[in-house]
């Protein structure tokens, strides 16, 4: 079982919130399963306890407000190392969504190309 990093979980949560514009809260398990939890997180807790891996998974909850607040513009010097350290294409895309700065876009393109070839 691959355990997702924090950045990968954030990318999953952002992707779910993008696909479901009315959703406000998403729970992501350590194996990458996402659950909309606006009214209840019972499904996520159930998956965390009863799954094919036979062990309890960790849960992380993300709200739309929290993720949108984190999406504020970061300095290039802070963002490029995060892009270079990202482990998935989705994580890179989540870091640069809406960013049009040339150096940031170039770093993202380079990292995505590297991830796709490995």
Protein backbone atom coordinates (compact mmCIF):
# COMPACT_ATOMS: atom_id res chain seq x y z
CA UNK A 1 0.00 0.00 0.00
CA UNK A 2 1.34 3.41 -0.96
CA UNK A 3 0.82 5.96 1.79
CA UNK A 4 0.15 9.44 0.46
CA UNK A 5 2.14 12.46 1.60
CA UNK A 6 0.41 15.57 2.93
CA UNK A 7 0.85 17.32 -0.45
CA UNK A 8 -0.65 14.36 -2.28
CA UNK A 9 -3.65 14.32 0.06
CA UNK A 10 -4.13 18.04 -0.50
CA UNK A 11 -4.05 17.46 -4.26
CA UNK A 12 -6.70 14.73 -3.93
CA UNK A 13 -8.90 16.97 -1.77
CA UNK A 14 -8.56 19.91 -4.18
CA UNK A 15 -9.46 17.65 -7.10
CA UNK A 16 -12.61 16.44 -5.32
CA UNK A 17 -13.63 19.99 -4.39
CA UNK A 18 -13.07 21.10 -7.97
CA UNK A 19 -15.34 18.32 -9.23
CA UNK A 20 -18.00 18.98 -6.61
CA UNK A 21 -18.39 22.76 -6.28
CA UNK A 22 -21.04 22.52 -3.54
CA UNK A 23 -18.94 20.28 -1.30
CA UNK A 24 -17.33 22.00 1.67
CA UNK A 25 -15.44 19.23 3.50
CA UNK A 26 -13.42 16.26 2.23
CA UNK A 27 -11.81 13.46 4.21
CA UNK A 28 -8.83 11.73 2.57
CA UNK A 29 -7.50 8.43 3.88
CA UNK A 30 -3.80 7.58 3.87
CA UNK A 31 -4.35 5.26 0.89
CA UNK A 32 -5.80 8.13 -1.18
CA UNK A 33 -9.52 7.44 -0.96
CA UNK A 34 -11.56 10.63 -0.67
CA UNK A 35 -14.98 11.12 0.87
CA UNK A 36 -17.21 14.19 0.84
CA UNK A 37 -18.01 14.71 4.51
CA UNK A 38 -20.28 17.74 4.56
CA UNK A 39 -22.91 15.93 6.61
CA UNK A 40 -21.02 12.94 8.01
CA UNK A 41 -17.61 11.32 7.92
CA UNK A 42 -18.95 7.83 8.70
CA UNK A 43 -18.06 6.42 5.27
CA UNK A 44 -14.45 7.60 5.60
CA UNK A 45 -14.16 6.18 9.12
CA UNK A 46 -15.63 2.89 7.95
CA UNK A 47 -13.12 2.64 5.09
CA UNK A 48 -10.29 3.53 7.49
CA UNK A 49 -11.22 0.61 9.76
CA UNK A 50 -12.38 -1.99 7.23
CA UNK A 51 -10.26 -2.16 4.09
CA UNK A 52 -8.28 -4.55 1.91
CA UNK A 53 -5.05 -3.73 3.73
CA UNK A 54 -6.23 -5.16 7.04
CA UNK A 55 -5.00 -2.24 9.10
CA UNK A 56 -6.50 1.03 10.20
CA UNK A 57 -5.78 3.95 7.90
CA UNK A 58 -5.18 7.53 8.96
CA UNK A 59 -7.74 10.19 8.09
CA UNK A 60 -7.14 13.81 7.21
CA UNK A 61 -9.94 16.34 6.87
CA UNK A 62 -9.76 19.33 4.53
CA UNK A 63 -12.28 22.14 4.18
CA UNK A 64 -12.79 24.29 1.11
CA UNK A 65 -12.03 27.45 3.11
CA UNK A 66 -8.80 25.97 4.46
CA UNK A 67 -7.56 24.89 1.02
CA UNK A 68 -8.50 28.16 -0.63
CA UNK A 69 -6.70 30.09 2.10
CA UNK A 70 -3.58 27.98 1.54
CA UNK A 71 -3.81 28.71 -2.17
CA UNK A 72 -2.66 32.27 -1.58
CA UNK A 73 0.34 33.27 -3.62
CA UNK A 74 3.64 32.01 -2.29
CA UNK A 75 7.01 33.52 -3.03
CA UNK A 76 8.81 31.91 -5.95
CA UNK A 77 11.70 31.01 -3.63
CA UNK A 78 9.28 28.99 -1.47
CA UNK A 79 7.23 27.47 -4.26
CA UNK A 80 9.92 26.09 -6.58
CA UNK A 81 11.46 23.76 -3.94
CA UNK A 82 7.96 22.42 -3.20
CA UNK A 83 7.42 21.77 -6.90
CA UNK A 84 10.78 20.02 -7.20
CA UNK A 85 9.96 17.81 -4.19
CA UNK A 86 6.44 16.87 -5.33
CA UNK A 87 6.05 13.14 -5.88
CA UNK A 88 3.08 13.12 -8.29
CA UNK A 89 1.85 15.12 -11.26
CA UNK A 90 -1.33 15.89 -9.30
CA UNK A 91 0.71 17.36 -6.45
CA UNK A 92 2.62 19.61 -8.86
CA UNK A 93 -0.60 20.76 -10.50
CA UNK A 94 -2.15 21.52 -7.11
CA UNK A 95 0.84 23.68 -6.18
CA UNK A 96 0.74 25.80 -9.33
CA UNK A 97 -2.97 26.04 -10.06
CA UNK A 98 -3.67 29.53 -11.43
CA UNK A 99 -0.02 30.62 -11.18
CA UNK A 100 1.24 32.28 -14.38
CA UNK A 101 4.73 33.32 -13.28
CA UNK A 102 7.22 32.10 -15.90
CA UNK A 103 9.72 30.60 -13.46
CA UNK A 104 7.00 28.75 -11.57
CA UNK A 105 5.40 27.40 -14.76
CA UNK A 106 8.81 26.34 -16.09
CA UNK A 107 9.65 24.51 -12.87
CA UNK A 108 6.26 22.77 -12.93
CA UNK A 109 6.63 21.69 -16.57
CA UNK A 110 10.13 20.36 -15.87
CA UNK A 111 8.99 18.40 -12.79
CA UNK A 112 5.95 16.96 -14.57
CA UNK A 113 8.14 15.81 -17.48
CA UNK A 114 10.51 14.17 -15.00
CA UNK A 115 7.65 12.44 -13.16
CA UNK A 116 6.14 11.15 -16.40
CA UNK A 117 9.43 9.61 -17.56
CA UNK A 118 10.08 7.78 -14.30
